[in-house]
Amino acid sequence: MKKIAILYEHPIWHQPLFDALDKAEIKYIKVDLKNGALELDNLPEATLYYNLVSPSAYLRNNLHSISYSYSLCNILEYQGRTVLNGSNSMKMELSKSTQLALLRKLNIDFPHSIVFNNLQAVSKLKLNFPRILKPEQGGSGARMYQINSMKELTQIFEDIPDLWQPDYLMLLQEKLDYDPDIGIIRLEFVNDKLIYAMRVVTNGAFNLCPSVACNPEEGNGVCNIDDYRIEPPKFYAFKDVNQSDIDKGKEIMNEAGHFSGSVEYVVCRDGRTVFYDINSNSNLRESIGLEFGQNPFEFVVNELGLMLNSSNT
């Protein structure tokens, strides 16, 4: 019988997907990446494997889920299994610098960025401030700060030496000048199709996770990253997205190897449209999808169902 294996680490985030699979009566099994042990000759049997691991797993003391997922995806792929958001997708998801290299390859505008593992090396560069400090392996806005001077950059690593963890690689990016009342734009895709476009007013926060578990419609969320400066971010449907930006988003998704995911960009005051983040297996926001006429989780499940039915195995 055809079925899907869902490789996951955060059960609350993905419960709406499980509910949509149940509603569609699609057979599936759950593979909990937090508790792994496998034999190469006795792998979980499924027709499709859908990898939903998040780079922020280490923030929940689940760093081992990331390495296990990467290993499992590689093993499955070498055995000829179909893995959605597999090892190539993970390579992109876990590396901000690789994302920027992809944007450069595609001639898509991105923030001026420094990749570094040593502060003394950075101090020798001629940099304008303010800049945004962010980790190579991101997730939920963790380890992100606005930096206003080289002295401030040095001080923050003295105050928080664990900021280098887990991979001892950081980025320093230009601070993009855009209208905060408009916010950032996030385009959500699945299987080369746009699910919806969303505008996010950050309110000074870096944690912009769209999951209602982290940023609910009302009240406080349960996210590990408490990054609210004044108030939580606000999410709005964005109906005026340019087709050229959608086309760029699709190109990015295809090159990144993401079956599902999102791109984020801003329109700067000087007219630049700057893409700065690429995400796989996005947390979807049902209320935004419904404004575009569809439940986003049911949309994903429909695409999974089409792939499942077209499979020869």
C-alpha atoms as a PDB file:
ATOM      1  CA  MET A   1       0.000   0.000   0.000  1.00  0.00           C
ATOM      2  CA  LYS A   2       1.308   3.442  -0.927  1.00  0.00           C
ATOM      3  CA  LYS A   3       2.088   5.680   2.032  1.00  0.00           C
ATOM      4  CA  ILE A   4       4.205   8.636   3.101  1.00  0.00           C
ATOM      5  CA  ALA A   5       6.835   8.713   5.837  1.00  0.00           C
ATOM      6  CA  ILE A   6       6.909  12.048   7.671  1.00  0.00           C
ATOM      7  CA  LEU A   7      10.334  12.769   9.149  1.00  0.00           C
ATOM      8  CA  TYR A   8       9.715  15.309  11.914  1.00  0.00           C
ATOM      9  CA  GLU A   9      11.110  16.735  15.134  1.00  0.00           C
ATOM     10  CA  HIS A  10       8.484  19.251  16.369  1.00  0.00           C
ATOM     11  CA  PRO A  11       5.089  17.560  16.862  1.00  0.00           C
ATOM     12  CA  ILE A  12       3.168  20.765  17.634  1.00  0.00           C
ATOM     13  CA  TRP A  13       4.290  22.507  14.442  1.00  0.00           C
ATOM     14  CA  HIS A  14       3.265  19.610  12.232  1.00  0.00           C
ATOM     15  CA  GLN A  15       0.015  18.529  13.848  1.00  0.00           C
ATOM     16  CA  PRO A  16      -2.028  20.524  11.268  1.00  0.00           C
ATOM     17  CA  LEU A  17      -0.284  18.527   8.516  1.00  0.00           C
ATOM     18  CA  PHE A  18      -1.079  15.249  10.266  1.00  0.00           C
ATOM     19  CA  ASP A  19      -4.707  16.370  10.612  1.00  0.00           C
ATOM     20  CA  ALA A  20      -4.879  17.224   6.895  1.00  0.00           C
ATOM     21  CA  LEU A  21      -3.402  13.819   5.977  1.00  0.00           C
ATOM     22  CA  ASP A  22      -6.006  12.121   8.171  1.00  0.00           C
ATOM     23  CA  LYS A  23      -8.787  14.151   6.553  1.00  0.00           C
ATOM     24  CA  ALA A  24      -7.570  13.176   3.080  1.00  0.00           C
ATOM     25  CA  GLU A  25      -7.310   9.525   4.208  1.00  0.00           C
ATOM     26  CA  ILE A  26      -3.719   9.308   3.019  1.00  0.00           C
ATOM     27  CA  LYS A  27      -1.713   6.589   4.711  1.00  0.00           C
ATOM     28  CA  TYR A  28       1.389   7.805   6.509  1.00  0.00           C
ATOM     29  CA  ILE A  29       3.857   6.886   9.211  1.00  0.00           C
ATOM     30  CA  LYS A  30       5.664   9.201  11.596  1.00  0.00           C
ATOM     31  CA  VAL A  31       9.433   9.001  11.944  1.00  0.00           C
ATOM     32  CA  ASP A  32      10.443  10.871  15.101  1.00  0.00           C
ATOM     33  CA  LEU A  33      13.921  12.250  14.418  1.00  0.00           C
ATOM     34  CA  LYS A  34      14.562  12.792  18.134  1.00  0.00           C
ATOM     35  CA  ASN A  35      14.613   9.051  18.810  1.00  0.00           C
ATOM     36  CA  GLY A  36      16.534   7.336  16.039  1.00  0.00           C
ATOM     37  CA  ALA A  37      18.065   3.951  15.430  1.00  0.00           C
ATOM     38  CA  LEU A  38      18.093   2.283  12.030  1.00  0.00           C
ATOM     39  CA  GLU A  39      19.493  -0.663  10.143  1.00  0.00           C
ATOM     40  CA  LEU A  40      20.456   0.020   6.537  1.00  0.00           C
ATOM     41  CA  ASP A  41      18.684  -3.172   5.454  1.00  0.00           C
ATOM     42  CA  ASN A  42      15.570  -2.420   7.487  1.00  0.00           C
ATOM     43  CA  LEU A  43      14.513   1.169   6.764  1.00  0.00           C
ATOM     44  CA  PRO A  44      11.036   2.626   7.338  1.00  0.00           C
ATOM     45  CA  GLU A  45       8.963   1.456   4.388  1.00  0.00           C
ATOM     46  CA  ALA A  46       7.139   4.142   2.445  1.00  0.00           C
ATOM     47  CA  THR A  47       6.567   5.351  -1.096  1.00  0.00           C
ATOM     48  CA  LEU A  48       7.549   8.955  -0.335  1.00  0.00           C
ATOM     49  CA  TYR A  49       9.630  10.418   2.484  1.00  0.00           C
ATOM     50  CA  TYR A  50       8.938  14.007   3.530  1.00  0.00           C
ATOM     51  CA  ASN A  51      11.678  15.566   5.660  1.00  0.00           C
ATOM     52  CA  LEU A  52      10.469  18.302   8.036  1.00  0.00           C
ATOM     53  CA  VAL A  53      13.517  18.777  10.265  1.00  0.00           C
ATOM     54  CA  SER A  54      14.202  22.369  11.272  1.00  0.00           C
ATOM     55  CA  PRO A  55      17.599  24.078  11.706  1.00  0.00           C
ATOM     56  CA  SER A  56      16.270  25.458  14.981  1.00  0.00           C
ATOM     57  CA  ALA A  57      16.121  21.956  16.487  1.00  0.00           C
ATOM     58  CA  TYR A  58      19.332  22.628  18.405  1.00  0.00           C
ATOM     59  CA  LEU A  59      17.519  25.398  20.291  1.00  0.00           C
ATOM     60  CA  ARG A  60      15.228  22.723  21.738  1.00  0.00           C
ATOM     61  CA  ASN A  61      18.176  20.490  22.726  1.00  0.00           C
ATOM     62  CA  ASN A  62      17.497  18.400  19.635  1.00  0.00           C
ATOM     63  CA  LEU A  63      20.703  18.970  17.666  1.00  0.00           C
ATOM     64  CA  HIS A  64      20.921  15.201  17.265  1.00  0.00           C
ATOM     65  CA  SER A  65      17.707  15.328  15.186  1.00  0.00           C
ATOM     66  CA  ILE A  66      19.481  17.334  12.493  1.00  0.00           C
ATOM     67  CA  SER A  67      22.421  14.968  12.065  1.00  0.00           C
ATOM     68  CA  TYR A  68      20.120  11.950  12.180  1.00  0.00           C
ATOM     69  CA  SER A  69      17.814  13.427   9.542  1.00  0.00           C
ATOM     70  CA  TYR A  70      20.734  14.252   7.254  1.00  0.00           C
ATOM     71  CA  SER A  71      22.075  10.703   7.587  1.00  0.00           C
ATOM     72  CA  LEU A  72      18.661   9.144   7.021  1.00  0.00           C
ATOM     73  CA  CYS A  73      17.995  11.274   3.931  1.00  0.00           C
ATOM     74  CA  ASN A  74      21.347  10.324   2.437  1.00  0.00           C
ATOM     75  CA  ILE A  75      20.806   6.630   3.106  1.00  0.00           C
ATOM     76  CA  LEU A  76      17.323   6.695   1.596  1.00  0.00           C
ATOM     77  CA  GLU A  77      18.513   8.602  -1.471  1.00  0.00           C
ATOM     78  CA  TYR A  78      21.385   6.192  -2.097  1.00  0.00           C
ATOM     79  CA  GLN A  79      18.824   3.392  -2.037  1.00  0.00           C
ATOM     80  CA  GLY A  80      16.808   5.155  -4.722  1.00  0.00           C
ATOM     81  CA  ARG A  81      13.978   6.300  -2.456  1.00  0.00           C
ATOM     82  CA  THR A  82      12.103   9.544  -3.164  1.00  0.00           C
ATOM     83  CA  VAL A  83      12.884  12.052  -0.402  1.00  0.00           C
ATOM     84  CA  LEU A  84      11.214  15.468  -0.417  1.00  0.00           C
ATOM     85  CA  ASN A  85      13.310  18.247   1.141  1.00  0.00           C
ATOM     86  CA  GLY A  86      16.147  15.740   1.293  1.00  0.00           C
ATOM     87  CA  SER A  87      19.905  16.051   1.706  1.00  0.00           C
ATOM     88  CA  ASN A  88      20.450  18.790  -0.913  1.00  0.00           C
ATOM     89  CA  SER A  89      17.602  20.794   0.586  1.00  0.00           C
ATOM     90  CA  MET A  90      19.098  20.357   4.068  1.00  0.00           C
ATOM     91  CA  LYS A  91      22.488  21.549   2.847  1.00  0.00           C
ATOM     92  CA  MET A  92      20.853  24.801   1.768  1.00  0.00           C
ATOM     93  CA  GLU A  93      18.635  25.115   4.836  1.00  0.00           C
ATOM     94  CA  LEU A  94      21.514  24.755   7.294  1.00  0.00           C
ATOM     95  CA  SER A  95      23.817  27.301   5.656  1.00  0.00           C
ATOM     96  CA  LYS A  96      23.007  31.001   5.323  1.00  0.00           C
ATOM     97  CA  SER A  97      26.238  31.545   3.395  1.00  0.00           C
ATOM     98  CA  THR A  98      25.259  28.875   0.857  1.00  0.00           C
ATOM     99  CA  GLN A  99      21.892  30.577   0.439  1.00  0.00           C
ATOM    100  CA  LEU A 100      23.649  33.847  -0.361  1.00  0.00           C
ATOM    101  CA  ALA A 101      25.943  32.061  -2.823  1.00  0.00           C
ATOM    102  CA  LEU A 102      22.846  30.724  -4.577  1.00  0.00           C
ATOM    103  CA  LEU A 103      21.281  34.188  -4.781  1.00  0.00           C
ATOM    104  CA  ARG A 104      24.512  35.540  -6.245  1.00  0.00           C
ATOM    105  CA  LYS A 105      24.569  32.741  -8.820  1.00  0.00           C
ATOM    106  CA  LEU A 106      21.001  33.611  -9.853  1.00  0.00           C
ATOM    107  CA  ASN A 107      21.821  37.344 -10.068  1.00  0.00           C
ATOM    108  CA  ILE A 108      19.217  38.119  -7.399  1.00  0.00           C
ATOM    109  CA  ASP A 109      19.995  41.067  -5.135  1.00  0.00           C
ATOM    110  CA  PHE A 110      21.005  40.067  -1.586  1.00  0.00           C
ATOM    111  CA  PRO A 111      22.462  41.900   1.433  1.00  0.00           C
ATOM    112  CA  HIS A 112      26.160  42.688   1.491  1.00  0.00           C
ATOM    113  CA  SER A 113      27.510  40.041   3.858  1.00  0.00           C
ATOM    114  CA  ILE A 114      30.633  39.017   5.711  1.00  0.00           C
ATOM    115  CA  VAL A 115      31.066  35.357   6.677  1.00  0.00           C
ATOM    116  CA  PHE A 116      33.521  34.995   9.561  1.00  0.00           C
ATOM    117  CA  ASN A 117      34.881  32.788  12.320  1.00  0.00           C
ATOM    118  CA  ASN A 118      37.315  35.284  13.810  1.00  0.00           C
ATOM    119  CA  LEU A 119      36.689  38.794  15.110  1.00  0.00           C
ATOM    120  CA  GLN A 120      40.233  40.004  14.497  1.00  0.00           C
ATOM    121  CA  ALA A 121      39.827  39.213  10.806  1.00  0.00           C
ATOM    122  CA  VAL A 122      36.585  41.210  10.719  1.00  0.00           C
ATOM    123  CA  SER A 123      38.235  44.198  12.420  1.00  0.00           C
ATOM    124  CA  LYS A 124      40.609  44.563   9.459  1.00  0.00           C
ATOM    125  CA  LEU A 125      37.722  45.164   7.059  1.00  0.00           C
ATOM    126  CA  LYS A 126      36.253  48.572   6.281  1.00  0.00           C
ATOM    127  CA  LEU A 127      32.609  48.153   7.257  1.00  0.00           C
ATOM    128  CA  ASN A 128      29.690  50.520   7.577  1.00  0.00           C
ATOM    129  CA  PHE A 129      27.345  50.094  10.519  1.00  0.00           C
ATOM    130  CA  PRO A 130      24.670  49.327  11.609  1.00  0.00           C
ATOM    131  CA  ARG A 131      24.663  45.686  10.528  1.00  0.00           C
ATOM    132  CA  ILE A 132      22.744  42.542  11.440  1.00  0.00           C
ATOM    133  CA  LEU A 133      24.619  39.720  13.130  1.00  0.00           C
ATOM    134  CA  LYS A 134      23.166  36.305  12.353  1.00  0.00           C
ATOM    135  CA  PRO A 135      24.297  32.670  12.579  1.00  0.00           C
ATOM    136  CA  GLU A 136      25.309  30.425   9.708  1.00  0.00           C
ATOM    137  CA  GLN A 137      22.758  27.897  10.972  1.00  0.00           C
ATOM    138  CA  GLY A 138      19.676  29.908  11.751  1.00  0.00           C
ATOM    139  CA  GLY A 139      16.221  29.134  13.064  1.00  0.00           C
ATOM    140  CA  SER A 140      13.460  31.215  14.629  1.00  0.00           C
ATOM    141  CA  GLY A 141      15.561  34.363  14.696  1.00  0.00           C
ATOM    142  CA  ALA A 142      17.990  32.940  17.238  1.00  0.00           C
ATOM    143  CA  ARG A 143      21.386  34.588  17.825  1.00  0.00           C
ATOM    144  CA  MET A 144      20.468  37.660  15.785  1.00  0.00           C
ATOM    145  CA  TYR A 145      21.359  41.193  16.880  1.00  0.00           C
ATOM    146  CA  GLN A 146      21.661  44.645  15.428  1.00  0.00           C
ATOM    147  CA  ILE A 147      25.305  45.713  15.722  1.00  0.00           C
ATOM    148  CA  ASN A 148      26.181  49.416  15.646  1.00  0.00           C
ATOM    149  CA  SER A 149      29.976  49.325  15.833  1.00  0.00           C
ATOM    150  CA  MET A 150      32.988  47.008  15.815  1.00  0.00           C
ATOM    151  CA  LYS A 151      33.341  47.597  19.529  1.00  0.00           C
ATOM    152  CA  GLU A 152      29.767  46.442  20.061  1.00  0.00           C
ATOM    153  CA  LEU A 153      30.427  43.329  17.971  1.00  0.00           C
ATOM    154  CA  THR A 154      33.449  42.433  20.097  1.00  0.00           C
ATOM    155  CA  GLN A 155      31.548  43.058  23.311  1.00  0.00           C
ATOM    156  CA  ILE A 156      28.627  40.817  22.434  1.00  0.00           C
ATOM    157  CA  PHE A 157      30.925  37.821  21.905  1.00  0.00           C
ATOM    158  CA  GLU A 158      32.661  38.569  25.200  1.00  0.00           C
ATOM    159  CA  ASP A 159      29.299  38.715  26.952  1.00  0.00           C
ATOM    160  CA  ILE A 160      27.862  35.651  25.178  1.00  0.00           C
ATOM    161  CA  PRO A 161      30.729  33.304  24.218  1.00  0.00           C
ATOM    162  CA  ASP A 162      28.224  30.536  23.385  1.00  0.00           C
ATOM    163  CA  LEU A 163      26.971  32.725  20.546  1.00  0.00           C
ATOM    164  CA  TRP A 164      29.440  30.881  18.289  1.00  0.00           C
ATOM    165  CA  GLN A 165      27.677  27.556  18.842  1.00  0.00           C
ATOM    166  CA  PRO A 166      26.920  25.140  17.266  1.00  0.00           C
ATOM    167  CA  ASP A 167      29.125  25.643  14.188  1.00  0.00           C
ATOM    168  CA  TYR A 168      31.436  28.581  15.024  1.00  0.00           C
ATOM    169  CA  LEU A 169      30.469  30.517  11.911  1.00  0.00           C
ATOM    170  CA  MET A 170      28.583  33.812  11.784  1.00  0.00           C
ATOM    171  CA  LEU A 171      27.455  36.407   9.262  1.00  0.00           C
ATOM    172  CA  LEU A 172      27.425  40.177   9.430  1.00  0.00           C
ATOM    173  CA  GLN A 173      24.977  41.699   6.944  1.00  0.00           C
ATOM    174  CA  GLU A 174      24.069  45.202   5.892  1.00  0.00           C
ATOM    175  CA  LYS A 175      20.951  46.471   7.656  1.00  0.00           C
ATOM    176  CA  LEU A 176      18.373  46.910   4.932  1.00  0.00           C
ATOM    177  CA  ASP A 177      16.455  50.180   4.972  1.00  0.00           C
ATOM    178  CA  TYR A 178      12.772  49.459   4.370  1.00  0.00           C
ATOM    179  CA  ASP A 179       9.480  50.797   5.673  1.00  0.00           C
ATOM    180  CA  PRO A 180       8.806  48.906   8.935  1.00  0.00           C
ATOM    181  CA  ASP A 181       5.074  49.564   8.587  1.00  0.00           C
ATOM    182  CA  ILE A 182       5.115  47.545   5.362  1.00  0.00           C
ATOM    183  CA  GLY A 183       7.439  44.890   6.717  1.00  0.00           C
ATOM    184  CA  ILE A 184       9.025  41.952   4.966  1.00  0.00           C
ATOM    185  CA  ILE A 185       7.451  39.764   2.283  1.00  0.00           C
ATOM    186  CA  ARG A 186       7.368  35.982   2.552  1.00  0.00           C
ATOM    187  CA  LEU A 187       6.364  33.770  -0.384  1.00  0.00           C
ATOM    188  CA  GLU A 188       5.336  30.197   0.433  1.00  0.00           C
ATOM    189  CA  PHE A 189       5.737  27.483  -2.195  1.00  0.00           C
ATOM    190  CA  VAL A 190       5.031  23.790  -2.557  1.00  0.00           C
ATOM    191  CA  ASN A 191       5.973  21.715  -5.582  1.00  0.00           C
ATOM    192  CA  ASP A 192       6.727  24.833  -7.682  1.00  0.00           C
ATOM    193  CA  LYS A 193       3.340  26.400  -6.852  1.00  0.00           C
ATOM    194  CA  LEU A 194       2.737  29.559  -4.829  1.00  0.00           C
ATOM    195  CA  ILE A 195       0.506  28.865  -1.824  1.00  0.00           C
ATOM    196  CA  TYR A 196       0.303  32.469  -0.657  1.00  0.00           C
ATOM    197  CA  ALA A 197       2.207  35.700  -0.167  1.00  0.00           C
ATOM    198  CA  MET A 198       2.437  37.158   3.326  1.00  0.00           C
ATOM    199  CA  ARG A 199       3.535  40.486   4.723  1.00  0.00           C
ATOM    200  CA  VAL A 200       5.168  40.413   8.163  1.00  0.00           C
ATOM    201  CA  VAL A 201       5.431  43.527  10.316  1.00  0.00           C
ATOM    202  CA  THR A 202       8.268  42.563  12.646  1.00  0.00           C
ATOM    203  CA  ASN A 203       7.761  45.101  15.458  1.00  0.00           C
ATOM    204  CA  GLY A 204      11.515  44.881  16.038  1.00  0.00           C
ATOM    205  CA  ALA A 205      11.571  41.112  16.522  1.00  0.00           C
ATOM    206  CA  PHE A 206      13.806  38.619  14.727  1.00  0.00           C
ATOM    207  CA  ASN A 207      11.665  35.595  15.612  1.00  0.00           C
ATOM    208  CA  LEU A 208       9.176  35.669  12.746  1.00  0.00           C
ATOM    209  CA  CYS A 209       8.086  32.040  12.895  1.00  0.00           C
ATOM    210  CA  PRO A 210       4.616  31.956  11.278  1.00  0.00           C
ATOM    211  CA  SER A 211       3.448  28.904  13.230  1.00  0.00           C
ATOM    212  CA  VAL A 212       0.428  29.774  15.372  1.00  0.00           C
ATOM    213  CA  ALA A 213       2.086  27.748  18.141  1.00  0.00           C
ATOM    214  CA  CYS A 214       4.919  30.302  18.261  1.00  0.00           C
ATOM    215  CA  ASN A 215       3.053  33.422  17.158  1.00  0.00           C
ATOM    216  CA  PRO A 216      -0.679  32.831  17.721  1.00  0.00           C
ATOM    217  CA  GLU A 217      -3.431  35.057  16.366  1.00  0.00           C
ATOM    218  CA  GLU A 218      -3.960  36.266  19.938  1.00  0.00           C
ATOM    219  CA  GLY A 219      -2.072  35.836  23.193  1.00  0.00           C
ATOM    220  CA  ASN A 220       1.383  34.426  23.840  1.00  0.00           C
ATOM    221  CA  GLY A 221       3.048  31.574  21.993  1.00  0.00           C
ATOM    222  CA  VAL A 222       5.088  28.637  23.233  1.00  0.00           C
ATOM    223  CA  CYS A 223       8.243  29.275  21.173  1.00  0.00           C
ATOM    224  CA  ASN A 224      11.679  28.690  22.704  1.00  0.00           C
ATOM    225  CA  ILE A 225      12.887  32.029  21.351  1.00  0.00           C
ATOM    226  CA  ASP A 226      11.370  34.951  23.225  1.00  0.00           C
ATOM    227  CA  ASP A 227      12.431  37.791  20.944  1.00  0.00           C
ATOM    228  CA  TYR A 228       9.570  40.264  21.340  1.00  0.00           C
ATOM    229  CA  ARG A 229      10.941  43.798  21.649  1.00  0.00           C
ATOM    230  CA  ILE A 230       7.637  45.649  22.026  1.00  0.00           C
ATOM    231  CA  GLU A 231       4.970  43.310  20.722  1.00  0.00           C
ATOM    232  CA  PRO A 232       4.870  40.131  18.624  1.00  0.00           C
ATOM    233  CA  PRO A 233       5.128  40.329  14.832  1.00  0.00           C
ATOM    234  CA  LYS A 234       1.945  40.697  12.818  1.00  0.00           C
ATOM    235  CA  PHE A 235       1.091  38.646   9.729  1.00  0.00           C
ATOM    236  CA  TYR A 236      -1.015  39.896   6.816  1.00  0.00           C
ATOM    237  CA  ALA A 237      -2.011  38.483   3.440  1.00  0.00           C
ATOM    238  CA  PHE A 238      -0.141  40.266   0.641  1.00  0.00           C
ATOM    239  CA  LYS A 239      -2.158  40.357  -2.566  1.00  0.00           C
ATOM    240  CA  ASP A 240       0.020  42.838  -4.503  1.00  0.00           C
ATOM    241  CA  VAL A 241       3.075  40.636  -5.007  1.00  0.00           C
ATOM    242  CA  ASN A 242       4.834  41.133  -8.357  1.00  0.00           C
ATOM    243  CA  GLN A 243       4.938  38.201 -10.757  1.00  0.00           C
ATOM    244  CA  SER A 244       8.664  38.808 -11.240  1.00  0.00           C
ATOM    245  CA  ASP A 245       9.216  38.242  -7.508  1.00  0.00           C
ATOM    246  CA  ILE A 246       7.145  35.051  -7.643  1.00  0.00           C
ATOM    247  CA  ASP A 247       9.250  33.850 -10.588  1.00  0.00           C
ATOM    248  CA  LYS A 248      12.431  34.578  -8.637  1.00  0.00           C
ATOM    249  CA  GLY A 249      11.033  32.669  -5.683  1.00  0.00           C
ATOM    250  CA  LYS A 250      10.264  29.633  -7.830  1.00  0.00           C
ATOM    251  CA  GLU A 251      13.735  29.730  -9.339  1.00  0.00           C
ATOM    252  CA  ILE A 252      15.264  29.858  -5.859  1.00  0.00           C
ATOM    253  CA  MET A 253      13.132  26.944  -4.636  1.00  0.00           C
ATOM    254  CA  ASN A 254      14.082  24.791  -7.618  1.00  0.00           C
ATOM    255  CA  GLU A 255      17.791  25.529  -7.319  1.00  0.00           C
ATOM    256  CA  ALA A 256      17.703  24.956  -3.554  1.00  0.00           C
ATOM    257  CA  GLY A 257      16.060  21.557  -3.947  1.00  0.00           C
ATOM    258  CA  HIS A 258      13.078  22.450  -1.762  1.00  0.00           C
ATOM    259  CA  PHE A 259       9.794  20.630  -2.412  1.00  0.00           C
ATOM    260  CA  SER A 260       8.207  23.032   0.047  1.00  0.00           C
ATOM    261  CA  GLY A 261       9.551  26.210   1.554  1.00  0.00           C
ATOM    262  CA  SER A 262       9.638  29.966   1.373  1.00  0.00           C
ATOM    263  CA  VAL A 263      11.714  32.969   0.410  1.00  0.00           C
ATOM    264  CA  GLU A 264      11.830  36.285   2.249  1.00  0.00           C
ATOM    265  CA  TYR A 265      12.641  39.690   0.823  1.00  0.00           C
ATOM    266  CA  VAL A 266      12.157  43.396   1.416  1.00  0.00           C
ATOM    267  CA  VAL A 267      11.531  46.363  -0.839  1.00  0.00           C
ATOM    268  CA  CYS A 268      14.016  49.005   0.292  1.00  0.00           C
ATOM    269  CA  ARG A 269      13.346  52.725   0.373  1.00  0.00           C
ATOM    270  CA  ASP A 270      15.855  53.191  -2.459  1.00  0.00           C
ATOM    271  CA  GLY A 271      13.851  50.839  -4.693  1.00  0.00           C
ATOM    272  CA  ARG A 272      15.995  47.703  -4.298  1.00  0.00           C
ATOM    273  CA  THR A 273      14.150  44.402  -3.930  1.00  0.00           C
ATOM    274  CA  VAL A 274      16.504  42.344  -1.760  1.00  0.00           C
ATOM    275  CA  PHE A 275      16.078  38.625  -1.051  1.00  0.00           C
ATOM    276  CA  TYR A 276      17.762  37.598   2.187  1.00  0.00           C
ATOM    277  CA  ASP A 277      16.411  34.246   3.431  1.00  0.00           C
ATOM    278  CA  ILE A 278      15.504  30.842   1.998  1.00  0.00           C
ATOM    279  CA  ASN A 279      13.568  28.333   4.098  1.00  0.00           C
ATOM    280  CA  SER A 280      12.613  24.714   3.555  1.00  0.00           C
ATOM    281  CA  ASN A 281       9.523  22.985   5.035  1.00  0.00           C
ATOM    282  CA  SER A 282       7.971  26.237   6.210  1.00  0.00           C
ATOM    283  CA  ASN A 283       5.521  26.524   9.052  1.00  0.00           C
ATOM    284  CA  LEU A 284       2.327  27.629   7.339  1.00  0.00           C
ATOM    285  CA  ARG A 285      -0.289  30.060   8.606  1.00  0.00           C
ATOM    286  CA  GLU A 286      -3.814  28.828   7.963  1.00  0.00           C
ATOM    287  CA  SER A 287      -5.523  32.216   8.249  1.00  0.00           C
ATOM    288  CA  ILE A 288      -3.298  33.675   5.510  1.00  0.00           C
ATOM    289  CA  GLY A 289      -3.871  30.726   3.217  1.00  0.00           C
ATOM    290  CA  LEU A 290      -7.629  31.013   3.646  1.00  0.00           C
ATOM    291  CA  GLU A 291      -7.447  34.619   2.452  1.00  0.00           C
ATOM    292  CA  PHE A 292      -6.053  33.165  -0.776  1.00  0.00           C
ATOM    293  CA  GLY A 293      -8.935  30.696  -0.926  1.00  0.00           C
ATOM    294  CA  GLN A 294      -7.291  27.540   0.381  1.00  0.00           C
ATOM    295  CA  ASN A 295      -6.214  25.798   3.551  1.00  0.00           C
ATOM    296  CA  PRO A 296      -2.414  25.686   3.141  1.00  0.00           C
ATOM    297  CA  PHE A 297      -2.013  22.331   4.876  1.00  0.00           C
ATOM    298  CA  GLU A 298      -4.652  20.763   2.645  1.00  0.00           C
ATOM    299  CA  PHE A 299      -2.838  22.300  -0.331  1.00  0.00           C
ATOM    300  CA  VAL A 300       0.395  20.569   0.707  1.00  0.00           C
ATOM    301  CA  VAL A 301      -1.417  17.281   1.306  1.00  0.00           C
ATOM    302  CA  ASN A 302      -3.050  17.489  -2.121  1.00  0.00           C
ATOM    303  CA  GLU A 303       0.384  17.896  -3.734  1.00  0.00           C
ATOM    304  CA  LEU A 304       1.710  14.976  -1.674  1.00  0.00           C
ATOM    305  CA  GLY A 305      -1.262  12.895  -2.755  1.00  0.00           C
ATOM    306  CA  LEU A 306      -0.649  13.658  -6.426  1.00  0.00           C
ATOM    307  CA  MET A 307       2.992  12.604  -6.088  1.00  0.00           C
ATOM    308  CA  LEU A 308       1.998   9.483  -4.195  1.00  0.00           C
ATOM    309  CA  ASN A 309      -0.546   8.420  -6.811  1.00  0.00           C
ATOM    310  CA  SER A 310       1.870   9.033  -9.691  1.00  0.00           C
ATOM    311  CA  SER A 311       4.595   6.920  -8.075  1.00  0.00           C
ATOM    312  CA  ASN A 312       5.349   3.542  -9.658  1.00  0.00           C
ATOM    313  CA  THR A 313       6.415   1.972  -6.390  1.00  0.00           C
END
